[in-house]
PDB file of N, CA and C in Angstrom:
ATOM      1  N   MET A   1     -36.350 -45.940  22.773  1.00  0.00           N
ATOM      2  CA  MET A   1     -37.743 -45.909  23.205  1.00  0.00           C
ATOM      3  C   MET A   1     -38.138 -44.483  23.602  1.00  0.00           C
ATOM      4  N   ALA A   2     -37.458 -43.887  24.562  1.00  0.00           N
ATOM      5  CA  ALA A   2     -37.775 -42.524  24.991  1.00  0.00           C
ATOM      6  C   ALA A   2     -36.758 -41.561  24.389  1.00  0.00           C
ATOM      7  N   THR A   3     -37.224 -40.395  23.972  1.00  0.00           N
ATOM      8  CA  THR A   3     -36.309 -39.386  23.443  1.00  0.00           C
ATOM      9  C   THR A   3     -35.479 -38.812  24.580  1.00  0.00           C
ATOM     10  N   THR A   4     -34.434 -38.092  24.238  1.00  0.00           N
ATOM     11  CA  THR A   4     -33.587 -37.468  25.250  1.00  0.00           C
ATOM     12  C   THR A   4     -34.401 -36.515  26.116  1.00  0.00           C
ATOM     13  N   GLU A   5     -35.279 -35.750  25.475  1.00  0.00           N
ATOM     14  CA  GLU A   5     -36.123 -34.802  26.212  1.00  0.00           C
ATOM     15  C   GLU A   5     -37.058 -35.541  27.180  1.00  0.00           C
ATOM     16  N   GLU A   6     -37.643 -36.633  26.713  1.00  0.00           N
ATOM     17  CA  GLU A   6     -38.524 -37.429  27.566  1.00  0.00           C
ATOM     18  C   GLU A   6     -37.748 -38.042  28.731  1.00  0.00           C
ATOM     19  N   GLN A   7     -36.547 -38.537  28.446  1.00  0.00           N
ATOM     20  CA  GLN A   7     -35.729 -39.116  29.520  1.00  0.00           C
ATOM     21  C   GLN A   7     -35.386 -38.066  30.579  1.00  0.00           C
ATOM     22  N   GLU A   8     -35.070 -36.865  30.146  1.00  0.00           N
ATOM     23  CA  GLU A   8     -34.767 -35.794  31.098  1.00  0.00           C
ATOM     24  C   GLU A   8     -35.974 -35.486  31.977  1.00  0.00           C
ATOM     25  N   GLU A   9     -37.156 -35.428  31.361  1.00  0.00           N
ATOM     26  CA  GLU A   9     -38.373 -35.154  32.130  1.00  0.00           C
ATOM     27  C   GLU A   9     -38.670 -36.294  33.095  1.00  0.00           C
ATOM     28  N   LEU A  10     -38.513 -37.533  32.647  1.00  0.00           N
ATOM     29  CA  LEU A  10     -38.754 -38.683  33.526  1.00  0.00           C
ATOM     30  C   LEU A  10     -37.778 -38.684  34.699  1.00  0.00           C
ATOM     31  N   GLU A  11     -36.512 -38.397  34.437  1.00  0.00           N
ATOM     32  CA  GLU A  11     -35.518 -38.334  35.516  1.00  0.00           C
ATOM     33  C   GLU A  11     -35.854 -37.231  36.508  1.00  0.00           C
ATOM     34  N   ALA A  12     -36.351 -36.106  36.010  1.00  0.00           N
ATOM     35  CA  ALA A  12     -36.755 -35.016  36.902  1.00  0.00           C
ATOM     36  C   ALA A  12     -37.926 -35.443  37.772  1.00  0.00           C
ATOM     37  N   ARG A  13     -38.871 -36.192  37.197  1.00  0.00           N
ATOM     38  CA  ARG A  13     -40.021 -36.663  37.975  1.00  0.00           C
ATOM     39  C   ARG A  13     -39.591 -37.653  39.047  1.00  0.00           C
ATOM     40  N   VAL A  14     -38.600 -38.466  38.742  1.00  0.00           N
ATOM     41  CA  VAL A  14     -38.103 -39.428  39.732  1.00  0.00           C
ATOM     42  C   VAL A  14     -37.454 -38.681  40.900  1.00  0.00           C
ATOM     43  N   ARG A  15     -36.706 -37.632  40.606  1.00  0.00           N
ATOM     44  CA  ARG A  15     -36.002 -36.873  41.649  1.00  0.00           C
ATOM     45  C   ARG A  15     -36.904 -35.922  42.431  1.00  0.00           C
ATOM     46  N   ARG A  16     -38.006 -35.505  41.818  1.00  0.00           N
ATOM     47  CA  ARG A  16     -38.877 -34.508  42.438  1.00  0.00           C
ATOM     48  C   ARG A  16     -39.492 -35.064  43.725  1.00  0.00           C
ATOM     49  N   TYR A  17     -39.276 -34.395  44.813  1.00  0.00           N
ATOM     50  CA  TYR A  17     -39.749 -34.831  46.128  1.00  0.00           C
ATOM     51  C   TYR A  17     -41.265 -34.953  46.183  1.00  0.00           C
ATOM     52  N   THR A  18     -41.958 -34.116  45.438  1.00  0.00           N
ATOM     53  CA  THR A  18     -43.419 -34.087  45.508  1.00  0.00           C
ATOM     54  C   THR A  18     -44.103 -35.037  44.522  1.00  0.00           C
ATOM     55  N   SER A  19     -43.326 -35.764  43.723  1.00  0.00           N
ATOM     56  CA  SER A  19     -43.933 -36.700  42.769  1.00  0.00           C
ATOM     57  C   SER A  19     -44.628 -37.832  43.515  1.00  0.00           C
ATOM     58  N   PRO A  20     -45.854 -38.168  43.121  1.00  0.00           N
ATOM     59  CA  PRO A  20     -46.530 -39.314  43.745  1.00  0.00           C
ATOM     60  C   PRO A  20     -45.723 -40.593  43.491  1.00  0.00           C
ATOM     61  N   ASP A  21     -45.745 -41.506  44.445  1.00  0.00           N
ATOM     62  CA  ASP A  21     -44.984 -42.747  44.325  1.00  0.00           C
ATOM     63  C   ASP A  21     -45.306 -43.496  43.034  1.00  0.00           C
ATOM     64  N   ARG A  22     -46.572 -43.521  42.649  1.00  0.00           N
ATOM     65  CA  ARG A  22     -46.952 -44.258  41.437  1.00  0.00           C
ATOM     66  C   ARG A  22     -46.287 -43.650  40.204  1.00  0.00           C
ATOM     67  N   ASP A  23     -46.164 -42.322  40.162  1.00  0.00           N
ATOM     68  CA  ASP A  23     -45.513 -41.674  39.031  1.00  0.00           C
ATOM     69  C   ASP A  23     -44.018 -41.969  39.009  1.00  0.00           C
ATOM     70  N   VAL A  24     -43.409 -42.061  40.183  1.00  0.00           N
ATOM     71  CA  VAL A  24     -41.985 -42.375  40.265  1.00  0.00           C
ATOM     72  C   VAL A  24     -41.736 -43.781  39.729  1.00  0.00           C
ATOM     73  N   ILE A  25     -42.552 -44.743  40.147  1.00  0.00           N
ATOM     74  CA  ILE A  25     -42.408 -46.120  39.663  1.00  0.00           C
ATOM     75  C   ILE A  25     -42.596 -46.166  38.152  1.00  0.00           C
ATOM     76  N   ARG A  26     -43.612 -45.496  37.647  1.00  0.00           N
ATOM     77  CA  ARG A  26     -43.882 -45.492  36.211  1.00  0.00           C
ATOM     78  C   ARG A  26     -42.728 -44.879  35.431  1.00  0.00           C
ATOM     79  N   ALA A  27     -42.184 -43.792  35.940  1.00  0.00           N
ATOM     80  CA  ALA A  27     -41.044 -43.153  35.274  1.00  0.00           C
ATOM     81  C   ALA A  27     -39.831 -44.081  35.295  1.00  0.00           C
ATOM     82  N   LYS A  28     -39.607 -44.746  36.409  1.00  0.00           N
ATOM     83  CA  LYS A  28     -38.476 -45.675  36.497  1.00  0.00           C
ATOM     84  C   LYS A  28     -38.641 -46.832  35.522  1.00  0.00           C
ATOM     85  N   ILE A  29     -39.858 -47.325  35.362  1.00  0.00           N
ATOM     86  CA  ILE A  29     -40.116 -48.407  34.404  1.00  0.00           C
ATOM     87  C   ILE A  29     -39.674 -47.973  33.008  1.00  0.00           C
ATOM     88  N   VAL A  30     -40.089 -46.790  32.596  1.00  0.00           N
ATOM     89  CA  VAL A  30     -39.763 -46.308  31.253  1.00  0.00           C
ATOM     90  C   VAL A  30     -38.259 -46.072  31.117  1.00  0.00           C
ATOM     91  N   LEU A  31     -37.633 -45.493  32.140  1.00  0.00           N
ATOM     92  CA  LEU A  31     -36.193 -45.231  32.077  1.00  0.00           C
ATOM     93  C   LEU A  31     -35.391 -46.532  31.993  1.00  0.00           C
ATOM     94  N   LEU A  32     -35.755 -47.521  32.786  1.00  0.00           N
ATOM     95  CA  LEU A  32     -35.045 -48.796  32.745  1.00  0.00           C
ATOM     96  C   LEU A  32     -35.292 -49.515  31.421  1.00  0.00           C
ATOM     97  N   ALA A  33     -36.493 -49.406  30.892  1.00  0.00           N
ATOM     98  CA  ALA A  33     -36.794 -50.007  29.589  1.00  0.00           C
ATOM     99  C   ALA A  33     -35.972 -49.331  28.491  1.00  0.00           C
ATOM    100  N   ALA A  34     -35.790 -48.026  28.597  1.00  0.00           N
ATOM    101  CA  ALA A  34     -35.004 -47.291  27.606  1.00  0.00           C
ATOM    102  C   ALA A  34     -33.548 -47.729  27.618  1.00  0.00           C
ATOM    103  N   ARG A  35     -33.092 -48.266  28.744  1.00  0.00           N
ATOM    104  CA  ARG A  35     -31.723 -48.792  28.830  1.00  0.00           C
ATOM    105  C   ARG A  35     -31.618 -50.198  28.266  1.00  0.00           C
ATOM    106  N   GLY A  36     -32.756 -50.757  27.841  1.00  0.00           N
ATOM    107  CA  GLY A  36     -32.746 -52.075  27.228  1.00  0.00           C
ATOM    108  C   GLY A  36     -32.961 -53.235  28.174  1.00  0.00           C
ATOM    109  N   LEU A  37     -33.357 -52.957  29.416  1.00  0.00           N
ATOM    110  CA  LEU A  37     -33.582 -54.037  30.372  1.00  0.00           C
ATOM    111  C   LEU A  37     -34.891 -54.758  30.067  1.00  0.00           C
ATOM    112  N   SER A  38     -34.930 -56.046  30.363  1.00  0.00           N
ATOM    113  CA  SER A  38     -36.136 -56.843  30.127  1.00  0.00           C
ATOM    114  C   SER A  38     -37.172 -56.571  31.211  1.00  0.00           C
ATOM    115  N   ASN A  39     -38.412 -56.961  30.927  1.00  0.00           N
ATOM    116  CA  ASN A  39     -39.486 -56.812  31.915  1.00  0.00           C
ATOM    117  C   ASN A  39     -39.148 -57.541  33.205  1.00  0.00           C
ATOM    118  N   GLU A  40     -38.534 -58.730  33.091  1.00  0.00           N
ATOM    119  CA  GLU A  40     -38.192 -59.523  34.273  1.00  0.00           C
ATOM    120  C   GLU A  40     -37.184 -58.791  35.156  1.00  0.00           C
ATOM    121  N   VAL A  41     -36.174 -58.201  34.534  1.00  0.00           N
ATOM    122  CA  VAL A  41     -35.141 -57.482  35.294  1.00  0.00           C
ATOM    123  C   VAL A  41     -35.730 -56.233  35.944  1.00  0.00           C
ATOM    124  N   ILE A  42     -36.531 -55.495  35.191  1.00  0.00           N
ATOM    125  CA  ILE A  42     -37.158 -54.288  35.735  1.00  0.00           C
ATOM    126  C   ILE A  42     -38.075 -54.656  36.895  1.00  0.00           C
ATOM    127  N   ALA A  43     -38.864 -55.715  36.736  1.00  0.00           N
ATOM    128  CA  ALA A  43     -39.771 -56.152  37.797  1.00  0.00           C
ATOM    129  C   ALA A  43     -38.997 -56.502  39.065  1.00  0.00           C
ATOM    130  N   ALA A  44     -37.888 -57.185  38.912  1.00  0.00           N
ATOM    131  CA  ALA A  44     -37.084 -57.555  40.076  1.00  0.00           C
ATOM    132  C   ALA A  44     -36.482 -56.316  40.742  1.00  0.00           C
ATOM    133  N   ARG A  45     -35.963 -55.392  39.949  1.00  0.00           N
ATOM    134  CA  ARG A  45     -35.348 -54.184  40.518  1.00  0.00           C
ATOM    135  C   ARG A  45     -36.350 -53.315  41.260  1.00  0.00           C
ATOM    136  N   LEU A  46     -37.564 -53.228  40.721  1.00  0.00           N
ATOM    137  CA  LEU A  46     -38.570 -52.342  41.313  1.00  0.00           C
ATOM    138  C   LEU A  46     -39.545 -53.080  42.226  1.00  0.00           C
ATOM    139  N   ASP A  47     -39.357 -54.388  42.369  1.00  0.00           N
ATOM    140  CA  ASP A  47     -40.243 -55.211  43.188  1.00  0.00           C
ATOM    141  C   ASP A  47     -41.700 -54.977  42.791  1.00  0.00           C
ATOM    142  N   THR A  48     -41.931 -55.107  41.489  1.00  0.00           N
ATOM    143  CA  THR A  48     -43.240 -54.855  40.886  1.00  0.00           C
ATOM    144  C   THR A  48     -43.573 -56.038  39.983  1.00  0.00           C
ATOM    145  N   PRO A  49     -44.831 -56.466  39.919  1.00  0.00           N
ATOM    146  CA  PRO A  49     -45.183 -57.596  39.051  1.00  0.00           C
ATOM    147  C   PRO A  49     -44.798 -57.341  37.590  1.00  0.00           C
ATOM    148  N   ARG A  50     -44.317 -58.390  36.921  1.00  0.00           N
ATOM    149  CA  ARG A  50     -43.882 -58.289  35.523  1.00  0.00           C
ATOM    150  C   ARG A  50     -45.006 -57.787  34.621  1.00  0.00           C
ATOM    151  N   GLN A  51     -46.233 -58.181  34.892  1.00  0.00           N
ATOM    152  CA  GLN A  51     -47.369 -57.748  34.074  1.00  0.00           C
ATOM    153  C   GLN A  51     -47.530 -56.228  34.136  1.00  0.00           C
ATOM    154  N   VAL A  52     -47.321 -55.644  35.299  1.00  0.00           N
ATOM    155  CA  VAL A  52     -47.420 -54.187  35.458  1.00  0.00           C
ATOM    156  C   VAL A  52     -46.354 -53.504  34.602  1.00  0.00           C
ATOM    157  N   ILE A  53     -45.150 -54.071  34.592  1.00  0.00           N
ATOM    158  CA  ILE A  53     -44.064 -53.493  33.800  1.00  0.00           C
ATOM    159  C   ILE A  53     -44.460 -53.476  32.321  1.00  0.00           C
ATOM    160  N   GLY A  54     -44.955 -54.600  31.826  1.00  0.00           N
ATOM    161  CA  GLY A  54     -45.367 -54.680  30.424  1.00  0.00           C
ATOM    162  C   GLY A  54     -46.475 -53.703  30.080  1.00  0.00           C
ATOM    163  N   ASN A  55     -47.436 -53.579  30.986  1.00  0.00           N
ATOM    164  CA  ASN A  55     -48.549 -52.648  30.747  1.00  0.00           C
ATOM    165  C   ASN A  55     -48.055 -51.214  30.620  1.00  0.00           C
ATOM    166  N   TRP A  56     -47.159 -50.781  31.513  1.00  0.00           N
ATOM    167  CA  TRP A  56     -46.693 -49.397  31.487  1.00  0.00           C
ATOM    168  C   TRP A  56     -45.748 -49.133  30.325  1.00  0.00           C
ATOM    169  N   ARG A  57     -44.982 -50.148  29.928  1.00  0.00           N
ATOM    170  CA  ARG A  57     -44.132 -49.974  28.741  1.00  0.00           C
ATOM    171  C   ARG A  57     -45.008 -49.744  27.513  1.00  0.00           C
ATOM    172  N   LYS A  58     -46.052 -50.541  27.358  1.00  0.00           N
ATOM    173  CA  LYS A  58     -46.965 -50.388  26.223  1.00  0.00           C
ATOM    174  C   LYS A  58     -47.660 -49.036  26.276  1.00  0.00           C
ATOM    175  N   ARG A  59     -48.104 -48.675  27.464  1.00  0.00           N
ATOM    176  CA  ARG A  59     -48.838 -47.417  27.611  1.00  0.00           C
ATOM    177  C   ARG A  59     -47.967 -46.224  27.237  1.00  0.00           C
ATOM    178  N   PHE A  60     -46.699 -46.248  27.652  1.00  0.00           N
ATOM    179  CA  PHE A  60     -45.799 -45.162  27.287  1.00  0.00           C
ATOM    180  C   PHE A  60     -45.571 -45.136  25.776  1.00  0.00           C
ATOM    181  N   ALA A  61     -45.406 -46.310  25.183  1.00  0.00           N
ATOM    182  CA  ALA A  61     -45.176 -46.380  23.744  1.00  0.00           C
ATOM    183  C   ALA A  61     -46.351 -45.781  22.963  1.00  0.00           C
ATOM    184  N   LEU A  62     -47.554 -45.944  23.481  1.00  0.00           N
ATOM    185  CA  LEU A  62     -48.745 -45.420  22.804  1.00  0.00           C
ATOM    186  C   LEU A  62     -49.021 -43.954  23.121  1.00  0.00           C
ATOM    187  N   ALA A  63     -48.855 -43.563  24.386  1.00  0.00           N
ATOM    188  CA  ALA A  63     -49.262 -42.215  24.816  1.00  0.00           C
ATOM    189  C   ALA A  63     -48.100 -41.246  24.960  1.00  0.00           C
ATOM    190  N   ARG A  64     -46.873 -41.777  24.956  1.00  0.00           N
ATOM    191  CA  ARG A  64     -45.668 -40.972  25.180  1.00  0.00           C
ATOM    192  C   ARG A  64     -45.725 -40.310  26.555  1.00  0.00           C
ATOM    193  N   LEU A  65     -45.321 -39.051  26.657  1.00  0.00           N
ATOM    194  CA  LEU A  65     -45.195 -38.397  27.950  1.00  0.00           C
ATOM    195  C   LEU A  65     -46.196 -37.255  28.074  1.00  0.00           C
ATOM    196  N   PRO A  66     -47.313 -37.485  28.773  1.00  0.00           N
ATOM    197  CA  PRO A  66     -48.302 -36.420  28.932  1.00  0.00           C
ATOM    198  C   PRO A  66     -47.851 -35.419  29.998  1.00  0.00           C
ATOM    199  N   ARG A  67     -48.477 -34.276  30.003  1.00  0.00           N
ATOM    200  CA  ARG A  67     -48.222 -33.292  31.059  1.00  0.00           C
ATOM    201  C   ARG A  67     -48.989 -33.707  32.308  1.00  0.00           C
ATOM    202  N   GLY A  68     -48.612 -33.164  33.445  1.00  0.00           N
ATOM    203  CA  GLY A  68     -49.305 -33.491  34.691  1.00  0.00           C
ATOM    204  C   GLY A  68     -48.895 -34.859  35.198  1.00  0.00           C
ATOM    205  N   PRO A  69     -49.777 -35.533  35.920  1.00  0.00           N
ATOM    206  CA  PRO A  69     -49.422 -36.845  36.452  1.00  0.00           C
ATOM    207  C   PRO A  69     -49.001 -37.777  35.322  1.00  0.00           C
ATOM    208  N   LEU A  70     -48.016 -38.602  35.593  1.00  0.00           N
ATOM    209  CA  LEU A  70     -47.518 -39.520  34.581  1.00  0.00           C
ATOM    210  C   LEU A  70     -48.553 -40.603  34.346  1.00  0.00           C
ATOM    211  N   PHE A  71     -49.234 -40.504  33.237  1.00  0.00           N
ATOM    212  CA  PHE A  71     -50.282 -41.434  32.827  1.00  0.00           C
ATOM    213  C   PHE A  71     -51.468 -41.380  33.785  1.00  0.00           C
ATOM    214  N   PRO A  72     -52.631 -41.009  33.306  1.00  0.00           N
ATOM    215  CA  PRO A  72     -53.825 -41.066  34.153  1.00  0.00           C
ATOM    216  C   PRO A  72     -54.159 -42.518  34.449  1.00  0.00           C
ATOM    217  N   PRO A  73     -54.965 -42.789  35.473  1.00  0.00           N
ATOM    218  CA  PRO A  73     -55.293 -44.182  35.811  1.00  0.00           C
ATOM    219  C   PRO A  73     -55.991 -44.892  34.650  1.00  0.00           C
ATOM    220  N   LEU A  74     -55.767 -46.185  34.571  1.00  0.00           N
ATOM    221  CA  LEU A  74     -56.454 -46.983  33.555  1.00  0.00           C
ATOM    222  C   LEU A  74     -57.935 -47.036  33.890  1.00  0.00           C
ATOM    223  N   VAL A  75     -58.770 -46.999  32.875  1.00  0.00           N
ATOM    224  CA  VAL A  75     -60.214 -47.077  33.074  1.00  0.00           C
ATOM    225  C   VAL A  75     -60.621 -48.539  32.934  1.00  0.00           C
ATOM    226  N   ALA A  76     -61.267 -49.066  33.938  1.00  0.00           N
ATOM    227  CA  ALA A  76     -61.706 -50.460  33.893  1.00  0.00           C
ATOM    228  C   ALA A  76     -62.880 -50.599  32.934  1.00  0.00           C
ATOM    229  N   SER A  77     -62.931 -51.739  32.276  1.00  0.00           N
ATOM    230  CA  SER A  77     -64.069 -51.972  31.394  1.00  0.00           C
ATOM    231  C   SER A  77     -65.312 -52.242  32.230  1.00  0.00           C
ATOM    232  N   PRO A  78     -66.481 -51.888  31.710  1.00  0.00           N
ATOM    233  CA  PRO A  78     -67.710 -52.065  32.499  1.00  0.00           C
ATOM    234  C   PRO A  78     -67.942 -53.543  32.822  1.00  0.00           C
ATOM    235  N   SER A  79     -68.502 -53.786  33.987  1.00  0.00           N
ATOM    236  CA  SER A  79     -68.828 -55.149  34.409  1.00  0.00           C
ATOM    237  C   SER A  79     -70.022 -55.659  33.621  1.00  0.00           C
ATOM    238  N   LYS A  80     -70.021 -56.949  33.411  1.00  0.00           N
ATOM    239  CA  LYS A  80     -71.159 -57.544  32.691  1.00  0.00           C
ATOM    240  C   LYS A  80     -72.234 -57.959  33.639  1.00  0.00           C
TER     241      LYS A  80
END
């Protein structure tokens, strides 16, 4: 799923003291997914809803690893 270079960057973001908590969780999701763990196992390990795990796995697969904050916030669709 993640290249060696991407995994190294994600691991650095997890270790970086100044990384925002949300970026650390997102990086951990991708790293655990790269190890082949299921959404259920990742959700249990990170105490995060399974739906969130699936969303971030998909988002990484589509956007890969951007510079700056790990994934900008999702934009909500306009209310009807």
